[in-house]
Amino acid sequence: MKRSIVEKHFDKVADSYDAGKVRYSYYYSSLKALLGDLIGKNKKVFEFGCGTGDLLVSLNPKYGYGMDISGKMIEAARKKHSSKKNIKFSTSMPRDRFDYIFLSDVVEHLDDHRSTFKELMSVMDDDTKIIVTMANPIWEPVLMIWEMLGLKMKEGKHKRVGYSKLRRVLENIGLKVVKHDYKLLVPIEIPLITSFANKYLEKIFKPLCFVEYFVVSKA
């Protein structure tokens, strides 16, 4: 998507962004847990597309850097997490290098995946890992229906991209996928059903799960 279109959308929703996430608290709690398992605490972490910063802060990094295209999102993040002196929020790319870089629900808004990941490589060390989480593209019809019914926040202009295409882009610029998996068969809280499905059925129906994610390193 064109940068100006994406920027305008997220500037527009910045004030209501956190309130909108309350309805999907189960999903965001699960996402925090997943990222925590993959990254751990006390690391140098860069979040590309940080929104209001909740995911980054939840990781308790030794040093954190959150970047977002939306200036209003960054203003909200700075205000909300002003006590976190070890975490910086900016609309500009960092100059540091990081142990982990992550993008959550971001790739569908990128206009040029190749140039974005090439840019991220500039802040990678040899051992740095990039983690990408995204909505499984097979869920797109459901998400569009939810949005039309007012059951989810408006996504703005976006395009779901399949894992295979993203992997080819990464491999062409000298990166490799070291882990690819799925999580959350049921991404919303439904009494009894959600816990049962995600505990016992998720392993059976992995490719149908809501969250698709992969971990990337230098080749």
N, C-alpha and C. Protein backbone atom coordinates (compact mmCIF):
# COMPACT_ATOMS: atom_id res chain seq x y z
N MET A 1 0.83 -1.19 0.00
CA MET A 1 0.00 0.00 0.00
C MET A 1 0.88 1.26 0.00
N LYS A 2 0.38 2.32 -0.61
CA LYS A 2 1.13 3.56 -0.63
C LYS A 2 1.30 4.11 0.79
N ARG A 3 2.50 4.59 1.06
CA ARG A 3 2.83 5.04 2.41
C ARG A 3 1.86 6.10 2.91
N SER A 4 1.51 7.06 2.06
CA SER A 4 0.64 8.16 2.50
C SER A 4 -0.74 7.65 2.90
N ILE A 5 -1.25 6.64 2.18
CA ILE A 5 -2.58 6.09 2.48
C ILE A 5 -2.56 5.40 3.83
N VAL A 6 -1.53 4.58 4.06
CA VAL A 6 -1.40 3.85 5.33
C VAL A 6 -1.20 4.83 6.48
N GLU A 7 -0.35 5.82 6.28
CA GLU A 7 -0.08 6.81 7.32
C GLU A 7 -1.35 7.56 7.72
N LYS A 8 -2.12 7.99 6.73
CA LYS A 8 -3.36 8.72 7.02
C LYS A 8 -4.36 7.86 7.78
N HIS A 9 -4.45 6.59 7.40
CA HIS A 9 -5.40 5.69 8.08
C HIS A 9 -5.04 5.55 9.55
N PHE A 10 -3.77 5.28 9.83
CA PHE A 10 -3.40 5.04 11.23
C PHE A 10 -3.33 6.32 12.05
N ASP A 11 -3.07 7.45 11.41
CA ASP A 11 -3.22 8.72 12.11
C ASP A 11 -4.68 8.92 12.53
N LYS A 12 -5.59 8.54 11.64
CA LYS A 12 -7.02 8.72 11.88
C LYS A 12 -7.52 7.86 13.03
N VAL A 13 -7.01 6.63 13.14
CA VAL A 13 -7.52 5.71 14.17
C VAL A 13 -6.69 5.72 15.45
N ALA A 14 -5.63 6.53 15.50
CA ALA A 14 -4.71 6.50 16.64
C ALA A 14 -5.41 6.75 17.97
N ASP A 15 -6.32 7.72 18.01
CA ASP A 15 -6.98 8.09 19.27
C ASP A 15 -7.87 6.97 19.82
N SER A 16 -8.43 6.16 18.93
CA SER A 16 -9.34 5.10 19.37
C SER A 16 -8.71 3.72 19.30
N TYR A 17 -7.43 3.67 18.95
CA TYR A 17 -6.76 2.39 18.69
C TYR A 17 -6.75 1.48 19.91
N ASP A 18 -6.34 2.01 21.05
CA ASP A 18 -6.25 1.18 22.26
C ASP A 18 -7.63 0.74 22.75
N ALA A 19 -8.60 1.62 22.65
CA ALA A 19 -9.97 1.27 23.07
C ALA A 19 -10.50 0.15 22.18
N GLY A 20 -10.16 0.21 20.90
CA GLY A 20 -10.61 -0.82 19.97
C GLY A 20 -10.01 -2.18 20.24
N LYS A 21 -8.82 -2.19 20.85
CA LYS A 21 -8.16 -3.47 21.13
C LYS A 21 -8.76 -4.21 22.31
N VAL A 22 -9.51 -3.50 23.15
CA VAL A 22 -10.09 -4.13 24.34
C VAL A 22 -10.98 -5.30 23.97
N ARG A 23 -11.74 -5.15 22.90
CA ARG A 23 -12.66 -6.20 22.46
C ARG A 23 -11.89 -7.46 22.05
N TYR A 24 -10.64 -7.29 21.63
CA TYR A 24 -9.85 -8.42 21.15
C TYR A 24 -8.72 -8.74 22.11
N SER A 25 -8.98 -8.56 23.40
CA SER A 25 -7.94 -8.73 24.40
C SER A 25 -7.38 -10.16 24.41
N TYR A 26 -8.20 -11.14 24.10
CA TYR A 26 -7.71 -12.52 24.07
C TYR A 26 -6.64 -12.68 22.99
N TYR A 27 -6.91 -12.12 21.83
CA TYR A 27 -5.94 -12.21 20.74
C TYR A 27 -4.64 -11.50 21.11
N TYR A 28 -4.73 -10.28 21.63
CA TYR A 28 -3.52 -9.54 21.95
C TYR A 28 -2.75 -10.17 23.11
N SER A 29 -3.44 -10.75 24.07
CA SER A 29 -2.76 -11.45 25.16
C SER A 29 -2.02 -12.66 24.62
N SER A 30 -2.66 -13.36 23.69
CA SER A 30 -2.03 -14.54 23.08
C SER A 30 -0.83 -14.14 22.24
N LEU A 31 -0.93 -13.01 21.55
CA LEU A 31 0.18 -12.53 20.73
C LEU A 31 1.36 -12.13 21.61
N LYS A 32 1.08 -11.48 22.72
CA LYS A 32 2.15 -11.13 23.66
C LYS A 32 2.85 -12.37 24.19
N ALA A 33 2.07 -13.40 24.49
CA ALA A 33 2.64 -14.65 25.00
C ALA A 33 3.51 -15.32 23.95
N LEU A 34 3.04 -15.33 22.70
CA LEU A 34 3.81 -15.93 21.61
C LEU A 34 5.13 -15.20 21.41
N LEU A 35 5.08 -13.88 21.35
CA LEU A 35 6.31 -13.10 21.17
C LEU A 35 7.24 -13.26 22.36
N GLY A 36 6.67 -13.35 23.56
CA GLY A 36 7.49 -13.57 24.75
C GLY A 36 8.22 -14.89 24.70
N ASP A 37 7.56 -15.93 24.19
CA ASP A 37 8.21 -17.24 24.06
C ASP A 37 9.32 -17.21 23.02
N LEU A 38 9.12 -16.46 21.95
CA LEU A 38 10.10 -16.42 20.86
C LEU A 38 11.28 -15.51 21.16
N ILE A 39 11.04 -14.46 21.95
CA ILE A 39 12.07 -13.45 22.18
C ILE A 39 12.67 -13.52 23.58
N GLY A 40 11.86 -13.70 24.58
CA GLY A 40 12.38 -13.69 25.94
C GLY A 40 12.59 -12.27 26.44
N LYS A 41 13.03 -12.16 27.68
CA LYS A 41 13.22 -10.86 28.30
C LYS A 41 14.67 -10.41 28.24
N ASN A 42 14.85 -9.12 28.51
CA ASN A 42 16.18 -8.52 28.64
C ASN A 42 16.99 -8.60 27.33
N LYS A 43 16.33 -8.40 26.21
CA LYS A 43 16.98 -8.39 24.90
C LYS A 43 16.89 -7.00 24.28
N LYS A 44 17.70 -6.75 23.28
CA LYS A 44 17.58 -5.52 22.49
C LYS A 44 16.58 -5.79 21.38
N VAL A 45 15.45 -5.08 21.41
CA VAL A 45 14.34 -5.42 20.52
C VAL A 45 13.86 -4.20 19.75
N PHE A 46 13.66 -4.38 18.46
CA PHE A 46 13.13 -3.34 17.58
C PHE A 46 11.79 -3.81 17.02
N GLU A 47 10.74 -3.03 17.24
CA GLU A 47 9.45 -3.33 16.64
C GLU A 47 9.19 -2.38 15.49
N PHE A 48 9.01 -2.94 14.31
CA PHE A 48 8.72 -2.16 13.11
C PHE A 48 7.20 -2.14 12.93
N GLY A 49 6.61 -0.96 13.09
CA GLY A 49 5.15 -0.85 13.07
C GLY A 49 4.59 -1.07 14.46
N CYS A 50 4.98 -0.20 15.38
CA CYS A 50 4.74 -0.46 16.81
C CYS A 50 3.39 0.00 17.32
N GLY A 51 2.63 0.79 16.53
CA GLY A 51 1.37 1.29 17.06
C GLY A 51 1.60 2.10 18.33
N THR A 52 0.83 1.79 19.37
CA THR A 52 0.98 2.51 20.64
C THR A 52 1.95 1.81 21.60
N GLY A 53 2.68 0.81 21.12
CA GLY A 53 3.81 0.28 21.86
C GLY A 53 3.57 -0.83 22.85
N ASP A 54 2.33 -1.32 22.99
CA ASP A 54 2.03 -2.31 24.02
C ASP A 54 2.78 -3.62 23.85
N LEU A 55 2.90 -4.10 22.62
CA LEU A 55 3.59 -5.37 22.40
C LEU A 55 5.06 -5.26 22.80
N LEU A 56 5.70 -4.20 22.36
CA LEU A 56 7.12 -4.00 22.68
C LEU A 56 7.34 -3.91 24.18
N VAL A 57 6.53 -3.13 24.85
CA VAL A 57 6.67 -2.95 26.30
C VAL A 57 6.45 -4.27 27.04
N SER A 58 5.52 -5.08 26.55
CA SER A 58 5.21 -6.35 27.22
C SER A 58 6.39 -7.31 27.26
N LEU A 59 7.37 -7.10 26.39
CA LEU A 59 8.53 -8.00 26.30
C LEU A 59 9.60 -7.66 27.33
N ASN A 60 9.45 -6.54 28.03
CA ASN A 60 10.46 -6.12 29.02
C ASN A 60 11.88 -6.15 28.45
N PRO A 61 12.11 -5.44 27.36
CA PRO A 61 13.43 -5.50 26.73
C PRO A 61 14.49 -4.76 27.54
N LYS A 62 15.73 -5.16 27.35
CA LYS A 62 16.84 -4.41 27.93
C LYS A 62 16.88 -3.02 27.29
N TYR A 63 16.67 -2.99 25.99
CA TYR A 63 16.52 -1.75 25.25
C TYR A 63 15.51 -2.00 24.13
N GLY A 64 14.53 -1.13 24.01
CA GLY A 64 13.52 -1.30 22.98
C GLY A 64 13.40 -0.07 22.11
N TYR A 65 13.11 -0.30 20.84
CA TYR A 65 12.92 0.80 19.90
C TYR A 65 11.68 0.48 19.08
N GLY A 66 10.69 1.36 19.16
CA GLY A 66 9.47 1.18 18.39
C GLY A 66 9.36 2.23 17.32
N MET A 67 9.15 1.79 16.08
CA MET A 67 8.99 2.71 14.97
C MET A 67 7.62 2.52 14.34
N ASP A 68 6.99 3.62 13.96
CA ASP A 68 5.72 3.54 13.25
C ASP A 68 5.63 4.66 12.23
N ILE A 69 4.94 4.39 11.14
CA ILE A 69 4.77 5.39 10.09
C ILE A 69 3.87 6.54 10.54
N SER A 70 3.01 6.25 11.51
CA SER A 70 2.03 7.23 12.00
C SER A 70 2.60 8.06 13.13
N GLY A 71 2.71 9.36 12.90
CA GLY A 71 3.19 10.24 13.95
C GLY A 71 2.27 10.28 15.15
N LYS A 72 0.97 10.16 14.90
CA LYS A 72 0.02 10.19 16.02
C LYS A 72 0.11 8.92 16.85
N MET A 73 0.40 7.79 16.23
CA MET A 73 0.61 6.56 17.00
C MET A 73 1.84 6.71 17.89
N ILE A 74 2.89 7.31 17.35
CA ILE A 74 4.11 7.49 18.13
C ILE A 74 3.86 8.46 19.29
N GLU A 75 3.11 9.51 19.05
CA GLU A 75 2.76 10.43 20.14
C GLU A 75 2.02 9.68 21.26
N ALA A 76 1.08 8.84 20.88
CA ALA A 76 0.31 8.07 21.86
C ALA A 76 1.21 7.10 22.62
N ALA A 77 2.13 6.45 21.90
CA ALA A 77 3.05 5.50 22.53
C ALA A 77 3.95 6.19 23.54
N ARG A 78 4.49 7.35 23.17
CA ARG A 78 5.36 8.10 24.08
C ARG A 78 4.63 8.52 25.34
N LYS A 79 3.40 8.97 25.17
CA LYS A 79 2.60 9.42 26.31
C LYS A 79 2.23 8.24 27.20
N LYS A 80 1.82 7.15 26.60
CA LYS A 80 1.36 5.99 27.35
C LYS A 80 2.48 5.32 28.12
N HIS A 81 3.67 5.30 27.54
CA HIS A 81 4.79 4.57 28.14
C HIS A 81 5.94 5.51 28.51
N SER A 82 5.61 6.68 28.97
CA SER A 82 6.63 7.69 29.29
C SER A 82 7.56 7.25 30.41
N SER A 83 7.12 6.31 31.23
CA SER A 83 7.96 5.86 32.35
C SER A 83 9.03 4.86 31.90
N LYS A 84 8.92 4.36 30.68
CA LYS A 84 9.86 3.35 30.17
C LYS A 84 11.06 4.04 29.53
N LYS A 85 12.03 4.38 30.35
CA LYS A 85 13.18 5.14 29.86
C LYS A 85 14.10 4.33 28.95
N ASN A 86 13.96 3.02 28.97
CA ASN A 86 14.79 2.15 28.14
C ASN A 86 14.14 1.84 26.80
N ILE A 87 13.00 2.48 26.52
CA ILE A 87 12.29 2.24 25.27
C ILE A 87 12.06 3.56 24.56
N LYS A 88 12.42 3.61 23.29
CA LYS A 88 12.28 4.82 22.49
C LYS A 88 11.26 4.58 21.38
N PHE A 89 10.45 5.59 21.10
CA PHE A 89 9.47 5.51 20.02
C PHE A 89 9.76 6.62 19.01
N SER A 90 9.72 6.27 17.71
CA SER A 90 10.09 7.24 16.69
C SER A 90 9.43 6.88 15.35
N THR A 91 9.36 7.86 14.46
CA THR A 91 8.91 7.61 13.10
C THR A 91 10.10 7.33 12.18
N SER A 92 11.30 7.32 12.73
CA SER A 92 12.52 7.10 11.94
C SER A 92 13.15 5.75 12.28
N MET A 93 13.90 5.22 11.33
CA MET A 93 14.62 3.98 11.56
C MET A 93 15.72 4.20 12.61
N PRO A 94 15.99 3.18 13.44
CA PRO A 94 17.06 3.30 14.43
C PRO A 94 18.43 3.17 13.79
N ARG A 95 19.46 3.53 14.54
CA ARG A 95 20.83 3.35 14.08
C ARG A 95 21.52 2.21 14.81
N ASP A 96 20.85 1.68 15.84
CA ASP A 96 21.42 0.59 16.62
C ASP A 96 21.25 -0.74 15.88
N ARG A 97 21.85 -1.78 16.45
CA ARG A 97 21.60 -3.15 16.00
C ARG A 97 20.91 -3.89 17.13
N PHE A 98 20.14 -4.90 16.78
CA PHE A 98 19.24 -5.52 17.75
C PHE A 98 19.37 -7.03 17.76
N ASP A 99 18.98 -7.61 18.91
CA ASP A 99 18.92 -9.06 19.02
C ASP A 99 17.72 -9.60 18.25
N TYR A 100 16.61 -8.86 18.35
CA TYR A 100 15.37 -9.27 17.69
C TYR A 100 14.69 -8.07 17.05
N ILE A 101 14.09 -8.33 15.91
CA ILE A 101 13.25 -7.36 15.22
C ILE A 101 11.91 -8.05 14.97
N PHE A 102 10.81 -7.38 15.25
CA PHE A 102 9.54 -8.05 14.96
C PHE A 102 8.53 -7.11 14.32
N LEU A 103 7.67 -7.72 13.51
CA LEU A 103 6.60 -7.03 12.81
C LEU A 103 5.32 -7.83 13.06
N SER A 104 4.33 -7.21 13.66
CA SER A 104 3.07 -7.89 13.94
C SER A 104 1.93 -7.17 13.23
N ASP A 105 1.23 -7.90 12.36
CA ASP A 105 0.12 -7.35 11.59
C ASP A 105 0.57 -6.12 10.80
N VAL A 106 1.72 -6.25 10.17
CA VAL A 106 2.31 -5.13 9.41
C VAL A 106 2.50 -5.47 7.94
N VAL A 107 2.90 -6.70 7.61
CA VAL A 107 3.30 -7.01 6.24
C VAL A 107 2.20 -6.75 5.22
N GLU A 108 0.93 -6.86 5.66
CA GLU A 108 -0.17 -6.63 4.72
C GLU A 108 -0.32 -5.16 4.33
N HIS A 109 0.37 -4.28 5.06
CA HIS A 109 0.30 -2.84 4.76
C HIS A 109 1.53 -2.34 4.00
N LEU A 110 2.49 -3.21 3.73
CA LEU A 110 3.72 -2.79 3.08
C LEU A 110 3.54 -2.70 1.57
N ASP A 111 4.10 -1.65 0.99
CA ASP A 111 4.03 -1.47 -0.46
C ASP A 111 5.13 -2.25 -1.16
N ASP A 112 6.28 -2.36 -0.51
CA ASP A 112 7.44 -3.02 -1.12
C ASP A 112 8.11 -3.89 -0.06
N HIS A 113 7.82 -5.17 -0.06
CA HIS A 113 8.37 -6.06 0.95
C HIS A 113 9.89 -6.19 0.84
N ARG A 114 10.38 -6.25 -0.37
CA ARG A 114 11.82 -6.40 -0.58
C ARG A 114 12.59 -5.24 0.03
N SER A 115 12.19 -4.01 -0.28
CA SER A 115 12.94 -2.85 0.22
C SER A 115 12.81 -2.73 1.73
N THR A 116 11.65 -3.11 2.29
CA THR A 116 11.48 -3.03 3.74
C THR A 116 12.42 -3.99 4.45
N PHE A 117 12.48 -5.24 3.99
CA PHE A 117 13.35 -6.20 4.67
C PHE A 117 14.82 -5.91 4.40
N LYS A 118 15.14 -5.33 3.26
CA LYS A 118 16.52 -4.89 3.02
C LYS A 118 16.90 -3.81 4.02
N GLU A 119 15.97 -2.92 4.30
CA GLU A 119 16.22 -1.85 5.27
C GLU A 119 16.40 -2.43 6.67
N LEU A 120 15.60 -3.43 7.00
CA LEU A 120 15.73 -4.06 8.32
C LEU A 120 17.07 -4.77 8.47
N MET A 121 17.61 -5.26 7.38
CA MET A 121 18.90 -5.94 7.44
C MET A 121 20.01 -5.00 7.90
N SER A 122 19.81 -3.70 7.73
CA SER A 122 20.84 -2.73 8.12
C SER A 122 20.99 -2.62 9.63
N VAL A 123 19.99 -3.11 10.39
CA VAL A 123 20.08 -3.06 11.85
C VAL A 123 20.19 -4.47 12.44
N MET A 124 20.58 -5.43 11.60
CA MET A 124 20.79 -6.81 12.05
C MET A 124 22.27 -7.10 12.31
N ASP A 125 22.55 -7.85 13.36
CA ASP A 125 23.85 -8.49 13.52
C ASP A 125 23.77 -9.87 12.90
N ASP A 126 24.87 -10.61 12.95
CA ASP A 126 24.86 -11.95 12.36
C ASP A 126 23.87 -12.88 13.04
N ASP A 127 23.62 -12.66 14.34
CA ASP A 127 22.72 -13.54 15.09
C ASP A 127 21.31 -12.98 15.27
N THR A 128 21.04 -11.82 14.72
CA THR A 128 19.72 -11.20 14.88
C THR A 128 18.63 -12.05 14.23
N LYS A 129 17.49 -12.11 14.88
CA LYS A 129 16.33 -12.80 14.32
C LYS A 129 15.21 -11.79 14.04
N ILE A 130 14.55 -11.96 12.91
CA ILE A 130 13.35 -11.19 12.58
C ILE A 130 12.14 -12.10 12.76
N ILE A 131 11.13 -11.61 13.45
CA ILE A 131 9.91 -12.38 13.67
C ILE A 131 8.75 -11.64 13.01
N VAL A 132 8.02 -12.36 12.17
CA VAL A 132 6.86 -11.79 11.50
C VAL A 132 5.62 -12.56 11.92
N THR A 133 4.62 -11.84 12.43
CA THR A 133 3.33 -12.46 12.72
C THR A 133 2.28 -11.75 11.86
N MET A 134 1.35 -12.53 11.35
CA MET A 134 0.32 -11.96 10.49
C MET A 134 -0.94 -12.81 10.56
N ALA A 135 -2.06 -12.23 10.16
CA ALA A 135 -3.28 -13.00 10.06
C ALA A 135 -3.15 -13.98 8.89
N ASN A 136 -3.47 -15.23 9.15
CA ASN A 136 -3.47 -16.25 8.10
C ASN A 136 -4.39 -15.78 6.96
N PRO A 137 -3.87 -15.67 5.72
CA PRO A 137 -4.69 -15.14 4.62
C PRO A 137 -6.02 -15.87 4.41
N ILE A 138 -6.13 -17.13 4.82
CA ILE A 138 -7.41 -17.83 4.61
C ILE A 138 -8.52 -17.26 5.48
N TRP A 139 -8.15 -16.46 6.49
CA TRP A 139 -9.14 -15.83 7.36
C TRP A 139 -9.65 -14.50 6.79
N GLU A 140 -9.13 -14.04 5.68
CA GLU A 140 -9.50 -12.72 5.17
C GLU A 140 -11.00 -12.54 4.95
N PRO A 141 -11.72 -13.51 4.37
CA PRO A 141 -13.17 -13.31 4.22
C PRO A 141 -13.89 -13.11 5.55
N VAL A 142 -13.46 -13.85 6.57
CA VAL A 142 -14.06 -13.71 7.89
C VAL A 142 -13.76 -12.33 8.46
N LEU A 143 -12.54 -11.89 8.32
CA LEU A 143 -12.15 -10.58 8.84
C LEU A 143 -12.92 -9.45 8.16
N MET A 144 -13.15 -9.58 6.86
CA MET A 144 -13.89 -8.56 6.14
C MET A 144 -15.36 -8.51 6.59
N ILE A 145 -15.92 -9.67 6.85
CA ILE A 145 -17.30 -9.72 7.36
C ILE A 145 -17.37 -9.10 8.74
N TRP A 146 -16.42 -9.44 9.61
CA TRP A 146 -16.39 -8.85 10.95
C TRP A 146 -16.29 -7.34 10.87
N GLU A 147 -15.45 -6.85 9.94
CA GLU A 147 -15.28 -5.40 9.82
C GLU A 147 -16.57 -4.74 9.33
N MET A 148 -17.24 -5.34 8.35
CA MET A 148 -18.49 -4.78 7.85
C MET A 148 -19.57 -4.75 8.93
N LEU A 149 -19.52 -5.72 9.83
CA LEU A 149 -20.50 -5.78 10.91
C LEU A 149 -20.10 -4.94 12.12
N GLY A 150 -18.95 -4.29 12.02
CA GLY A 150 -18.47 -3.46 13.11
C GLY A 150 -17.91 -4.24 14.28
N LEU A 151 -17.50 -5.48 14.02
CA LEU A 151 -16.99 -6.35 15.08
C LEU A 151 -15.47 -6.29 15.20
N LYS A 152 -14.79 -5.56 14.33
CA LYS A 152 -13.35 -5.39 14.43
C LYS A 152 -12.97 -3.99 13.96
N MET A 153 -11.80 -3.56 14.37
CA MET A 153 -11.30 -2.26 13.94
C MET A 153 -11.10 -2.25 12.43
N LYS A 154 -11.28 -1.10 11.82
CA LYS A 154 -11.07 -0.99 10.39
C LYS A 154 -9.59 -1.17 10.07
N GLU A 155 -9.34 -2.00 9.07
CA GLU A 155 -7.98 -2.36 8.70
C GLU A 155 -7.32 -1.30 7.83
N GLY A 156 -8.13 -0.56 7.07
CA GLY A 156 -7.56 0.35 6.09
C GLY A 156 -7.10 -0.44 4.87
N LYS A 157 -6.49 0.26 3.94
CA LYS A 157 -6.01 -0.39 2.72
C LYS A 157 -4.94 -1.43 3.06
N HIS A 158 -5.11 -2.64 2.55
CA HIS A 158 -4.14 -3.69 2.83
C HIS A 158 -4.27 -4.80 1.80
N LYS A 159 -3.30 -5.68 1.78
CA LYS A 159 -3.33 -6.84 0.90
C LYS A 159 -2.64 -8.00 1.59
N ARG A 160 -3.39 -9.07 1.85
CA ARG A 160 -2.81 -10.25 2.48
C ARG A 160 -1.80 -10.91 1.53
N VAL A 161 -0.66 -11.25 2.07
CA VAL A 161 0.39 -11.86 1.26
C VAL A 161 0.70 -13.24 1.82
N GLY A 162 0.77 -14.22 0.95
CA GLY A 162 1.04 -15.59 1.38
C GLY A 162 2.47 -15.79 1.82
N TYR A 163 2.65 -16.76 2.70
CA TYR A 163 3.98 -17.06 3.24
C TYR A 163 4.97 -17.42 2.14
N SER A 164 4.55 -18.19 1.16
CA SER A 164 5.46 -18.64 0.10
C SER A 164 6.08 -17.47 -0.64
N LYS A 165 5.25 -16.47 -0.93
CA LYS A 165 5.77 -15.28 -1.63
C LYS A 165 6.75 -14.52 -0.75
N LEU A 166 6.41 -14.35 0.51
CA LEU A 166 7.30 -13.65 1.43
C LEU A 166 8.62 -14.39 1.60
N ARG A 167 8.56 -15.70 1.67
CA ARG A 167 9.79 -16.49 1.81
C ARG A 167 10.70 -16.29 0.61
N ARG A 168 10.13 -16.26 -0.59
CA ARG A 168 10.94 -16.04 -1.79
C ARG A 168 11.62 -14.68 -1.75
N VAL A 169 10.87 -13.67 -1.31
CA VAL A 169 11.45 -12.32 -1.20
C VAL A 169 12.63 -12.34 -0.24
N LEU A 170 12.44 -12.99 0.90
CA LEU A 170 13.50 -13.04 1.91
C LEU A 170 14.73 -13.77 1.41
N GLU A 171 14.52 -14.90 0.75
CA GLU A 171 15.64 -15.69 0.26
C GLU A 171 16.42 -14.95 -0.83
N ASN A 172 15.72 -14.15 -1.60
CA ASN A 172 16.37 -13.40 -2.68
C ASN A 172 17.28 -12.29 -2.19
N ILE A 173 17.11 -11.87 -0.93
CA ILE A 173 17.96 -10.80 -0.40
C ILE A 173 18.94 -11.32 0.66
N GLY A 174 19.04 -12.63 0.79
CA GLY A 174 20.05 -13.20 1.70
C GLY A 174 19.57 -13.51 3.09
N LEU A 175 18.27 -13.72 3.24
CA LEU A 175 17.72 -14.14 4.53
C LEU A 175 17.12 -15.54 4.39
N LYS A 176 16.95 -16.21 5.52
CA LYS A 176 16.35 -17.55 5.47
C LYS A 176 15.35 -17.72 6.62
N VAL A 177 14.31 -18.49 6.36
CA VAL A 177 13.31 -18.78 7.38
C VAL A 177 13.77 -19.99 8.19
N VAL A 178 13.88 -19.82 9.49
CA VAL A 178 14.34 -20.91 10.36
C VAL A 178 13.19 -21.55 11.13
N LYS A 179 12.03 -20.91 11.10
CA LYS A 179 10.85 -21.48 11.75
C LYS A 179 9.62 -20.90 11.10
N HIS A 180 8.62 -21.75 10.84
CA HIS A 180 7.35 -21.31 10.28
C HIS A 180 6.24 -22.11 10.96
N ASP A 181 5.26 -21.42 11.52
CA ASP A 181 4.24 -22.15 12.27
C ASP A 181 2.95 -21.32 12.34
N TYR A 182 1.96 -21.91 13.02
CA TYR A 182 0.65 -21.29 13.17
C TYR A 182 0.22 -21.33 14.64
N LYS A 183 -0.67 -20.41 15.02
CA LYS A 183 -1.14 -20.35 16.40
C LYS A 183 -2.57 -19.80 16.42
N LEU A 184 -3.33 -20.20 17.41
CA LEU A 184 -4.69 -19.71 17.69
C LEU A 184 -5.71 -20.21 16.67
N LEU A 185 -6.22 -21.38 16.91
CA LEU A 185 -7.30 -21.90 16.07
C LEU A 185 -8.56 -21.04 16.23
N VAL A 186 -8.80 -20.59 17.46
CA VAL A 186 -9.92 -19.68 17.74
C VAL A 186 -9.33 -18.42 18.39
N PRO A 187 -9.37 -17.27 17.70
CA PRO A 187 -8.69 -16.06 18.19
C PRO A 187 -9.51 -15.16 19.09
N ILE A 188 -10.76 -15.54 19.37
CA ILE A 188 -11.61 -14.73 20.25
C ILE A 188 -12.08 -15.57 21.42
N GLU A 189 -12.45 -14.91 22.50
CA GLU A 189 -12.85 -15.61 23.72
C GLU A 189 -14.30 -16.06 23.62
N ILE A 190 -14.49 -17.39 23.51
CA ILE A 190 -15.82 -18.00 23.54
C ILE A 190 -15.80 -19.01 24.68
N PRO A 191 -16.59 -18.82 25.71
CA PRO A 191 -16.54 -19.70 26.88
C PRO A 191 -16.52 -21.18 26.48
N LEU A 192 -15.60 -21.92 27.08
CA LEU A 192 -15.41 -23.35 26.89
C LEU A 192 -14.83 -23.70 25.52
N ILE A 193 -15.36 -23.13 24.47
CA ILE A 193 -14.93 -23.49 23.11
C ILE A 193 -13.49 -23.07 22.83
N THR A 194 -13.15 -21.82 23.16
CA THR A 194 -11.83 -21.30 22.83
C THR A 194 -10.71 -22.10 23.50
N SER A 195 -10.81 -22.29 24.79
CA SER A 195 -9.76 -23.00 25.51
C SER A 195 -9.64 -24.44 25.04
N PHE A 196 -10.75 -25.09 24.79
CA PHE A 196 -10.72 -26.49 24.32
C PHE A 196 -10.08 -26.58 22.93
N ALA A 197 -10.52 -25.71 22.02
CA ALA A 197 -10.02 -25.75 20.65
C ALA A 197 -8.53 -25.46 20.59
N ASN A 198 -8.10 -24.42 21.30
CA ASN A 198 -6.69 -24.03 21.23
C ASN A 198 -5.76 -24.98 21.98
N LYS A 199 -6.30 -25.72 22.93
CA LYS A 199 -5.48 -26.66 23.68
C LYS A 199 -5.41 -28.03 23.03
N TYR A 200 -6.54 -28.48 22.49
CA TYR A 200 -6.60 -29.86 22.01
C TYR A 200 -6.71 -30.01 20.48
N LEU A 201 -7.29 -29.03 19.81
CA LEU A 201 -7.52 -29.16 18.38
C LEU A 201 -6.49 -28.41 17.52
N GLU A 202 -5.81 -27.44 18.13
CA GLU A 202 -4.88 -26.61 17.37
C GLU A 202 -3.80 -27.43 16.67
N LYS A 203 -3.27 -28.44 17.33
CA LYS A 203 -2.21 -29.24 16.74
C LYS A 203 -2.69 -30.01 15.51
N ILE A 204 -3.96 -30.34 15.49
CA ILE A 204 -4.52 -31.11 14.38
C ILE A 204 -4.79 -30.23 13.17
N PHE A 205 -5.25 -29.00 13.45
CA PHE A 205 -5.67 -28.10 12.37
C PHE A 205 -4.75 -26.89 12.24
N LYS A 206 -3.46 -27.08 12.40
CA LYS A 206 -2.48 -25.99 12.38
C LYS A 206 -2.65 -25.01 11.21
N PRO A 207 -2.73 -25.48 9.98
CA PRO A 207 -2.80 -24.53 8.85
C PRO A 207 -4.06 -23.67 8.83
N LEU A 208 -5.03 -24.00 9.68
CA LEU A 208 -6.26 -23.23 9.74
C LEU A 208 -6.23 -22.18 10.84
N CYS A 209 -5.17 -22.15 11.63
CA CYS A 209 -5.08 -21.22 12.75
C CYS A 209 -5.06 -19.77 12.27
N PHE A 210 -5.46 -18.87 13.14
CA PHE A 210 -5.59 -17.46 12.79
C PHE A 210 -4.24 -16.78 12.60
N VAL A 211 -3.29 -17.06 13.48
CA VAL A 211 -1.98 -16.41 13.41
C VAL A 211 -1.00 -17.30 12.65
N GLU A 212 -0.38 -16.74 11.64
CA GLU A 212 0.71 -17.40 10.94
C GLU A 212 1.98 -16.60 11.25
N TYR A 213 3.05 -17.29 11.58
CA TYR A 213 4.27 -16.56 11.93
C TYR A 213 5.51 -17.30 11.45
N PHE A 214 6.59 -16.54 11.29
CA PHE A 214 7.86 -17.16 10.91
C PHE A 214 9.02 -16.35 11.48
N VAL A 215 10.12 -17.05 11.68
CA VAL A 215 11.34 -16.47 12.26
C VAL A 215 12.42 -16.51 11.19
N VAL A 216 13.13 -15.40 11.03
CA VAL A 216 14.08 -15.22 9.94
C VAL A 216 15.46 -14.87 10.48
N SER A 217 16.49 -15.41 9.84
CA SER A 217 17.86 -15.05 10.19
C SER A 217 18.64 -14.76 8.91
N LYS A 218 19.86 -14.30 9.05
CA LYS A 218 20.72 -14.15 7.87
C LYS A 218 21.09 -15.52 7.36
N ALA A 219 21.18 -15.64 6.06
CA ALA A 219 21.48 -16.94 5.44
C ALA A 219 22.93 -17.33 5.69
